[in-house]
Amino acid sequence: MSAETDSGDALRPIFMDVVSVQSQVVYGHVGNNVALPTLRAHGLNVAAVPTVMFSNTPHYPTLHGGALPTDWFGGYLSDLSARGALQRLKAILVGYLGNPEQVAVLSRWINQVLAEYPDVQVIVDPVIGDHDTGIYVADGMVE
């Protein structure tokens, strides 16, 4: 097998069943830390698109990290489309979003995906806060 063939095989699309757009934490079980193993246990291919990278949930006395830069976030989404990974997509799962700019980028991307793949289900878990910590999303997210 030539290097050209090997390279071509490596660049074949990995078809995703679900794109999970949620938080990621170093310590804890929320967002994509829960979604990925759960969905994969059901035999689904999942692309995890992080919206934020935090040390832990806001229930602890310290919290480090923040929203991913908007250009990175948008690039992650557009590159999934560019790689051909969405041809068999069944669902887009949306959880915690880091800021209003991510909402705008994600909304445009979802509309593009639905224009090409109208049977894709969009599932939104509108994460805003918790009973013990109150609202913990970025300013402008609740309006």
N, C-alpha and C. Protein backbone atom coordinates (compact mmCIF):
# COMPACT_ATOMS: atom_id res chain seq x y z
N MET A 1 0.84 -1.17 0.00
CA MET A 1 0.00 0.00 0.00
C MET A 1 0.89 1.24 0.00
N SER A 2 0.59 2.18 -0.84
CA SER A 2 1.41 3.40 -0.92
C SER A 2 1.01 4.39 0.16
N ALA A 3 1.89 5.34 0.40
CA ALA A 3 1.60 6.40 1.38
C ALA A 3 0.38 7.19 0.94
N GLU A 4 0.20 7.34 -0.37
CA GLU A 4 -0.95 8.07 -0.88
C GLU A 4 -2.25 7.37 -0.49
N THR A 5 -2.28 6.05 -0.64
CA THR A 5 -3.47 5.28 -0.27
C THR A 5 -3.72 5.36 1.23
N ASP A 6 -2.64 5.20 2.01
CA ASP A 6 -2.79 5.29 3.46
C ASP A 6 -3.36 6.63 3.86
N SER A 7 -2.84 7.69 3.26
CA SER A 7 -3.31 9.04 3.59
C SER A 7 -4.77 9.21 3.20
N GLY A 8 -5.14 8.68 2.04
CA GLY A 8 -6.53 8.78 1.60
C GLY A 8 -7.48 8.06 2.53
N ASP A 9 -7.07 6.89 3.01
CA ASP A 9 -7.90 6.15 3.95
C ASP A 9 -8.06 6.91 5.26
N ALA A 10 -6.98 7.53 5.70
CA ALA A 10 -7.02 8.28 6.97
C ALA A 10 -7.94 9.49 6.89
N LEU A 11 -8.14 10.00 5.69
CA LEU A 11 -8.95 11.20 5.53
C LEU A 11 -10.40 10.91 5.19
N ARG A 12 -10.77 9.66 5.17
CA ARG A 12 -12.19 9.34 4.96
C ARG A 12 -13.00 9.87 6.13
N PRO A 13 -14.22 10.32 5.87
CA PRO A 13 -15.03 10.86 6.97
C PRO A 13 -15.34 9.82 8.04
N ILE A 14 -15.32 10.25 9.26
CA ILE A 14 -15.84 9.47 10.38
C ILE A 14 -17.24 10.02 10.61
N PHE A 15 -18.24 9.24 10.29
CA PHE A 15 -19.61 9.73 10.36
C PHE A 15 -20.08 9.82 11.81
N MET A 16 -20.63 10.96 12.16
CA MET A 16 -21.13 11.19 13.51
C MET A 16 -22.64 10.94 13.55
N ASP A 17 -23.08 10.33 14.63
CA ASP A 17 -24.51 10.19 14.89
C ASP A 17 -25.03 11.40 15.65
N VAL A 18 -24.19 11.91 16.55
CA VAL A 18 -24.57 13.02 17.42
C VAL A 18 -23.42 14.02 17.51
N VAL A 19 -23.76 15.29 17.45
CA VAL A 19 -22.82 16.36 17.81
C VAL A 19 -23.31 16.91 19.14
N SER A 20 -22.45 16.81 20.15
CA SER A 20 -22.80 17.25 21.50
C SER A 20 -22.04 18.55 21.80
N VAL A 21 -22.79 19.64 21.91
CA VAL A 21 -22.23 20.97 22.11
C VAL A 21 -22.51 21.36 23.56
N GLN A 22 -21.49 21.22 24.42
CA GLN A 22 -21.69 21.42 25.85
C GLN A 22 -20.38 21.78 26.54
N SER A 23 -20.50 21.98 27.83
CA SER A 23 -19.33 22.28 28.66
C SER A 23 -18.43 21.06 28.81
N GLN A 24 -17.19 21.36 29.18
CA GLN A 24 -16.26 20.31 29.58
C GLN A 24 -15.59 20.77 30.86
N VAL A 25 -15.49 19.88 31.82
CA VAL A 25 -14.82 20.19 33.08
C VAL A 25 -13.69 19.20 33.32
N VAL A 26 -12.67 19.66 34.04
CA VAL A 26 -11.56 18.79 34.41
C VAL A 26 -11.99 17.85 35.53
N TYR A 27 -12.79 18.39 36.45
CA TYR A 27 -13.21 17.63 37.63
C TYR A 27 -14.72 17.70 37.73
N GLY A 28 -15.37 16.56 37.57
CA GLY A 28 -16.82 16.53 37.70
C GLY A 28 -17.49 15.77 36.58
N HIS A 29 -18.78 15.63 36.70
CA HIS A 29 -19.57 14.87 35.74
C HIS A 29 -20.75 15.71 35.28
N VAL A 30 -20.47 16.60 34.35
CA VAL A 30 -21.50 17.43 33.73
C VAL A 30 -21.16 17.58 32.25
N GLY A 31 -22.12 18.09 31.48
CA GLY A 31 -21.87 18.41 30.08
C GLY A 31 -21.36 17.22 29.28
N ASN A 32 -20.35 17.50 28.46
CA ASN A 32 -19.80 16.45 27.61
C ASN A 32 -19.12 15.34 28.40
N ASN A 33 -18.71 15.62 29.64
CA ASN A 33 -18.13 14.56 30.47
C ASN A 33 -19.14 13.45 30.75
N VAL A 34 -20.42 13.78 30.74
CA VAL A 34 -21.49 12.79 30.93
C VAL A 34 -22.04 12.32 29.58
N ALA A 35 -22.24 13.25 28.67
CA ALA A 35 -22.88 12.92 27.40
C ALA A 35 -22.08 11.91 26.58
N LEU A 36 -20.77 12.11 26.48
CA LEU A 36 -19.97 11.22 25.64
C LEU A 36 -20.03 9.76 26.08
N PRO A 37 -19.67 9.44 27.30
CA PRO A 37 -19.71 8.01 27.66
C PRO A 37 -21.12 7.42 27.59
N THR A 38 -22.11 8.22 27.90
CA THR A 38 -23.49 7.72 27.87
C THR A 38 -23.92 7.40 26.45
N LEU A 39 -23.71 8.33 25.54
CA LEU A 39 -24.11 8.13 24.15
C LEU A 39 -23.28 7.04 23.48
N ARG A 40 -21.99 7.02 23.77
CA ARG A 40 -21.13 5.98 23.19
C ARG A 40 -21.48 4.60 23.71
N ALA A 41 -21.94 4.51 24.94
CA ALA A 41 -22.37 3.22 25.50
C ALA A 41 -23.56 2.66 24.73
N HIS A 42 -24.29 3.53 24.06
CA HIS A 42 -25.43 3.11 23.25
C HIS A 42 -25.03 2.91 21.79
N GLY A 43 -23.73 2.88 21.53
CA GLY A 43 -23.24 2.58 20.19
C GLY A 43 -23.24 3.75 19.23
N LEU A 44 -23.35 4.96 19.73
CA LEU A 44 -23.39 6.14 18.86
C LEU A 44 -22.01 6.77 18.73
N ASN A 45 -21.69 7.22 17.52
CA ASN A 45 -20.49 8.02 17.30
C ASN A 45 -20.82 9.46 17.67
N VAL A 46 -20.02 10.04 18.54
CA VAL A 46 -20.32 11.37 19.07
C VAL A 46 -19.13 12.29 18.86
N ALA A 47 -19.40 13.46 18.33
CA ALA A 47 -18.40 14.53 18.26
C ALA A 47 -18.70 15.49 19.41
N ALA A 48 -17.72 15.68 20.28
CA ALA A 48 -17.88 16.58 21.42
C ALA A 48 -17.32 17.94 21.06
N VAL A 49 -18.18 18.93 21.05
CA VAL A 49 -17.74 20.30 20.78
C VAL A 49 -17.84 21.06 22.10
N PRO A 50 -16.69 21.40 22.71
CA PRO A 50 -16.74 22.11 23.98
C PRO A 50 -17.11 23.57 23.80
N THR A 51 -17.87 24.08 24.72
CA THR A 51 -18.23 25.50 24.72
C THR A 51 -17.38 26.26 25.73
N VAL A 52 -17.09 25.60 26.83
CA VAL A 52 -16.24 26.16 27.88
C VAL A 52 -15.31 25.05 28.36
N MET A 53 -14.24 25.47 28.98
CA MET A 53 -13.36 24.53 29.68
C MET A 53 -13.19 25.08 31.08
N PHE A 54 -13.75 24.37 32.05
CA PHE A 54 -13.69 24.80 33.45
C PHE A 54 -12.94 23.76 34.28
N SER A 55 -12.40 24.21 35.39
CA SER A 55 -11.74 23.29 36.32
C SER A 55 -12.75 22.36 36.97
N ASN A 56 -13.95 22.86 37.21
CA ASN A 56 -14.99 22.12 37.92
C ASN A 56 -16.30 22.88 37.75
N THR A 57 -17.36 22.38 38.37
CA THR A 57 -18.64 23.09 38.34
C THR A 57 -18.57 24.29 39.28
N PRO A 58 -19.52 25.23 39.16
CA PRO A 58 -19.48 26.43 40.01
C PRO A 58 -19.86 26.21 41.46
N HIS A 59 -20.07 24.98 41.86
CA HIS A 59 -20.44 24.69 43.25
C HIS A 59 -19.25 24.77 44.20
N TYR A 60 -18.06 24.84 43.68
CA TYR A 60 -16.84 24.84 44.50
C TYR A 60 -16.37 26.28 44.74
N PRO A 61 -15.55 26.49 45.77
CA PRO A 61 -15.09 27.85 46.08
C PRO A 61 -14.19 28.46 45.01
N THR A 62 -13.56 27.63 44.18
CA THR A 62 -12.74 28.17 43.09
C THR A 62 -13.24 27.61 41.76
N LEU A 63 -13.08 28.40 40.74
CA LEU A 63 -13.48 28.00 39.39
C LEU A 63 -12.52 28.68 38.42
N HIS A 64 -11.84 27.89 37.61
CA HIS A 64 -10.91 28.44 36.63
C HIS A 64 -11.33 28.01 35.24
N GLY A 65 -11.03 28.85 34.28
CA GLY A 65 -11.35 28.56 32.89
C GLY A 65 -12.35 29.54 32.35
N GLY A 66 -12.95 29.19 31.24
CA GLY A 66 -13.93 30.07 30.64
C GLY A 66 -14.36 29.57 29.28
N ALA A 67 -15.06 30.45 28.58
CA ALA A 67 -15.57 30.12 27.26
C ALA A 67 -14.43 29.99 26.26
N LEU A 68 -14.58 29.05 25.35
CA LEU A 68 -13.60 28.94 24.29
C LEU A 68 -13.73 30.15 23.37
N PRO A 69 -12.63 30.59 22.79
CA PRO A 69 -12.71 31.71 21.85
C PRO A 69 -13.72 31.42 20.75
N THR A 70 -14.45 32.43 20.36
CA THR A 70 -15.52 32.26 19.37
C THR A 70 -15.00 31.69 18.06
N ASP A 71 -13.82 32.12 17.62
CA ASP A 71 -13.30 31.60 16.36
C ASP A 71 -12.94 30.11 16.47
N TRP A 72 -12.46 29.68 17.62
CA TRP A 72 -12.21 28.25 17.82
C TRP A 72 -13.53 27.49 17.77
N PHE A 73 -14.50 27.97 18.53
CA PHE A 73 -15.81 27.32 18.61
C PHE A 73 -16.43 27.19 17.23
N GLY A 74 -16.48 28.28 16.49
CA GLY A 74 -17.03 28.25 15.14
C GLY A 74 -16.24 27.33 14.22
N GLY A 75 -14.93 27.32 14.39
CA GLY A 75 -14.08 26.46 13.59
C GLY A 75 -14.33 24.99 13.85
N TYR A 76 -14.55 24.63 15.11
CA TYR A 76 -14.86 23.23 15.43
C TYR A 76 -16.11 22.79 14.68
N LEU A 77 -17.13 23.64 14.72
CA LEU A 77 -18.40 23.31 14.06
C LEU A 77 -18.23 23.24 12.54
N SER A 78 -17.63 24.25 11.95
CA SER A 78 -17.51 24.28 10.49
C SER A 78 -16.60 23.15 9.99
N ASP A 79 -15.58 22.78 10.77
CA ASP A 79 -14.72 21.69 10.33
C ASP A 79 -15.42 20.34 10.35
N LEU A 80 -16.39 20.15 11.23
CA LEU A 80 -17.19 18.92 11.18
C LEU A 80 -17.92 18.83 9.85
N SER A 81 -18.47 19.94 9.40
CA SER A 81 -19.15 19.98 8.11
C SER A 81 -18.14 19.76 6.98
N ALA A 82 -17.00 20.44 7.06
CA ALA A 82 -15.99 20.35 6.01
C ALA A 82 -15.41 18.95 5.88
N ARG A 83 -15.34 18.20 6.96
CA ARG A 83 -14.79 16.84 6.94
C ARG A 83 -15.81 15.83 6.42
N GLY A 84 -17.05 16.24 6.20
CA GLY A 84 -18.08 15.30 5.74
C GLY A 84 -18.63 14.42 6.85
N ALA A 85 -18.41 14.81 8.09
CA ALA A 85 -18.78 13.98 9.24
C ALA A 85 -20.28 13.97 9.54
N LEU A 86 -21.04 14.84 8.90
CA LEU A 86 -22.45 15.00 9.26
C LEU A 86 -23.41 14.25 8.34
N GLN A 87 -22.89 13.50 7.40
CA GLN A 87 -23.73 12.85 6.40
C GLN A 87 -24.76 11.89 6.98
N ARG A 88 -24.48 11.34 8.16
CA ARG A 88 -25.40 10.40 8.81
C ARG A 88 -25.87 10.91 10.17
N LEU A 89 -25.76 12.21 10.36
CA LEU A 89 -26.08 12.81 11.65
C LEU A 89 -27.55 12.60 12.00
N LYS A 90 -27.78 12.21 13.25
CA LYS A 90 -29.14 12.00 13.75
C LYS A 90 -29.58 13.14 14.66
N ALA A 91 -28.63 13.69 15.45
CA ALA A 91 -29.03 14.69 16.44
C ALA A 91 -27.89 15.64 16.78
N ILE A 92 -28.30 16.84 17.17
CA ILE A 92 -27.42 17.84 17.76
C ILE A 92 -27.93 18.06 19.17
N LEU A 93 -27.07 17.82 20.14
CA LEU A 93 -27.41 17.99 21.55
C LEU A 93 -26.72 19.24 22.06
N VAL A 94 -27.50 20.18 22.58
CA VAL A 94 -26.96 21.47 23.03
C VAL A 94 -27.19 21.62 24.53
N GLY A 95 -26.13 21.94 25.25
CA GLY A 95 -26.22 22.19 26.69
C GLY A 95 -25.70 23.57 27.01
N TYR A 96 -24.78 23.65 27.95
CA TYR A 96 -24.23 24.92 28.45
C TYR A 96 -23.48 25.65 27.34
N LEU A 97 -23.85 26.90 27.13
CA LEU A 97 -23.15 27.76 26.17
C LEU A 97 -22.41 28.85 26.94
N GLY A 98 -21.23 29.20 26.46
CA GLY A 98 -20.34 30.07 27.21
C GLY A 98 -20.63 31.54 27.14
N ASN A 99 -21.26 32.00 26.05
CA ASN A 99 -21.54 33.43 25.91
C ASN A 99 -22.51 33.65 24.75
N PRO A 100 -23.06 34.86 24.64
CA PRO A 100 -24.03 35.13 23.56
C PRO A 100 -23.44 34.96 22.16
N GLU A 101 -22.15 35.19 22.00
CA GLU A 101 -21.53 35.02 20.69
C GLU A 101 -21.61 33.56 20.24
N GLN A 102 -21.43 32.65 21.19
CA GLN A 102 -21.55 31.23 20.84
C GLN A 102 -22.97 30.89 20.41
N VAL A 103 -23.94 31.52 21.03
CA VAL A 103 -25.34 31.29 20.65
C VAL A 103 -25.53 31.66 19.18
N ALA A 104 -25.01 32.81 18.78
CA ALA A 104 -25.16 33.27 17.40
C ALA A 104 -24.45 32.33 16.42
N VAL A 105 -23.22 31.94 16.74
CA VAL A 105 -22.46 31.03 15.87
C VAL A 105 -23.17 29.68 15.76
N LEU A 106 -23.60 29.15 16.89
CA LEU A 106 -24.28 27.85 16.90
C LEU A 106 -25.59 27.90 16.13
N SER A 107 -26.34 28.96 16.30
CA SER A 107 -27.62 29.10 15.61
C SER A 107 -27.42 29.09 14.09
N ARG A 108 -26.44 29.84 13.61
CA ARG A 108 -26.16 29.85 12.17
C ARG A 108 -25.76 28.45 11.68
N TRP A 109 -24.90 27.78 12.45
CA TRP A 109 -24.44 26.45 12.06
C TRP A 109 -25.59 25.45 12.05
N ILE A 110 -26.42 25.47 13.07
CA ILE A 110 -27.57 24.56 13.11
C ILE A 110 -28.48 24.80 11.91
N ASN A 111 -28.73 26.04 11.58
CA ASN A 111 -29.57 26.34 10.41
C ASN A 111 -28.95 25.79 9.13
N GLN A 112 -27.64 25.89 8.99
CA GLN A 112 -26.96 25.34 7.82
C GLN A 112 -27.09 23.82 7.78
N VAL A 113 -26.89 23.19 8.93
CA VAL A 113 -27.01 21.73 9.00
C VAL A 113 -28.43 21.30 8.64
N LEU A 114 -29.43 21.97 9.21
CA LEU A 114 -30.82 21.59 8.95
C LEU A 114 -31.22 21.84 7.50
N ALA A 115 -30.62 22.82 6.86
CA ALA A 115 -30.90 23.06 5.44
C ALA A 115 -30.41 21.88 4.60
N GLU A 116 -29.30 21.28 5.00
CA GLU A 116 -28.75 20.15 4.25
C GLU A 116 -29.30 18.81 4.73
N TYR A 117 -29.57 18.71 6.03
CA TYR A 117 -30.04 17.45 6.64
C TYR A 117 -31.28 17.74 7.49
N PRO A 118 -32.44 17.92 6.86
CA PRO A 118 -33.63 18.36 7.60
C PRO A 118 -34.17 17.37 8.62
N ASP A 119 -33.73 16.12 8.59
CA ASP A 119 -34.23 15.13 9.55
C ASP A 119 -33.45 15.12 10.87
N VAL A 120 -32.39 15.91 10.95
CA VAL A 120 -31.60 15.96 12.19
C VAL A 120 -32.44 16.56 13.31
N GLN A 121 -32.42 15.90 14.45
CA GLN A 121 -33.13 16.39 15.63
C GLN A 121 -32.20 17.33 16.41
N VAL A 122 -32.75 18.43 16.89
CA VAL A 122 -32.00 19.37 17.73
C VAL A 122 -32.60 19.30 19.12
N ILE A 123 -31.77 18.93 20.09
CA ILE A 123 -32.21 18.76 21.48
C ILE A 123 -31.48 19.79 22.31
N VAL A 124 -32.23 20.66 22.98
CA VAL A 124 -31.63 21.75 23.75
C VAL A 124 -31.95 21.58 25.23
N ASP A 125 -30.91 21.53 26.03
CA ASP A 125 -31.04 21.54 27.49
C ASP A 125 -30.57 22.93 27.93
N PRO A 126 -31.50 23.83 28.17
CA PRO A 126 -31.13 25.24 28.42
C PRO A 126 -30.49 25.44 29.80
N VAL A 127 -29.22 25.09 29.91
CA VAL A 127 -28.50 25.23 31.18
C VAL A 127 -28.35 26.71 31.51
N ILE A 128 -28.84 27.10 32.68
CA ILE A 128 -28.79 28.50 33.12
C ILE A 128 -28.16 28.61 34.50
N GLY A 129 -28.48 27.67 35.38
CA GLY A 129 -27.98 27.71 36.75
C GLY A 129 -28.50 26.53 37.53
N ASP A 130 -28.31 26.60 38.84
CA ASP A 130 -28.76 25.54 39.74
C ASP A 130 -29.43 26.16 40.95
N HIS A 131 -30.21 25.35 41.63
CA HIS A 131 -30.96 25.83 42.79
C HIS A 131 -30.05 26.36 43.89
N ASP A 132 -28.86 25.81 44.04
CA ASP A 132 -27.99 26.24 45.14
C ASP A 132 -27.01 27.36 44.77
N THR A 133 -26.73 27.53 43.48
CA THR A 133 -25.79 28.58 43.07
C THR A 133 -26.45 29.72 42.32
N GLY A 134 -27.71 29.54 41.95
CA GLY A 134 -28.39 30.56 41.16
C GLY A 134 -27.94 30.53 39.71
N ILE A 135 -28.16 31.64 39.03
CA ILE A 135 -27.79 31.75 37.62
C ILE A 135 -26.27 31.85 37.52
N TYR A 136 -25.68 31.02 36.66
CA TYR A 136 -24.23 31.09 36.50
C TYR A 136 -23.79 31.20 35.05
N VAL A 137 -24.69 31.49 34.15
CA VAL A 137 -24.29 31.70 32.77
C VAL A 137 -23.80 33.14 32.59
N ALA A 138 -23.12 33.39 31.49
CA ALA A 138 -22.57 34.72 31.21
C ALA A 138 -23.68 35.75 31.07
N ASP A 139 -23.34 36.99 31.37
CA ASP A 139 -24.28 38.09 31.18
C ASP A 139 -24.82 38.08 29.76
N GLY A 140 -26.10 38.35 29.61
CA GLY A 140 -26.73 38.38 28.30
C GLY A 140 -27.29 37.06 27.84
N MET A 141 -27.07 36.00 28.59
CA MET A 141 -27.55 34.68 28.17
C MET A 141 -29.00 34.43 28.53
N VAL A 142 -29.50 35.07 29.55
CA VAL A 142 -30.86 34.78 30.03
C VAL A 142 -31.90 35.58 29.27
N GLU A 143 -31.53 36.71 28.73
CA GLU A 143 -32.50 37.58 28.06
C GLU A 143 -33.12 36.96 26.85
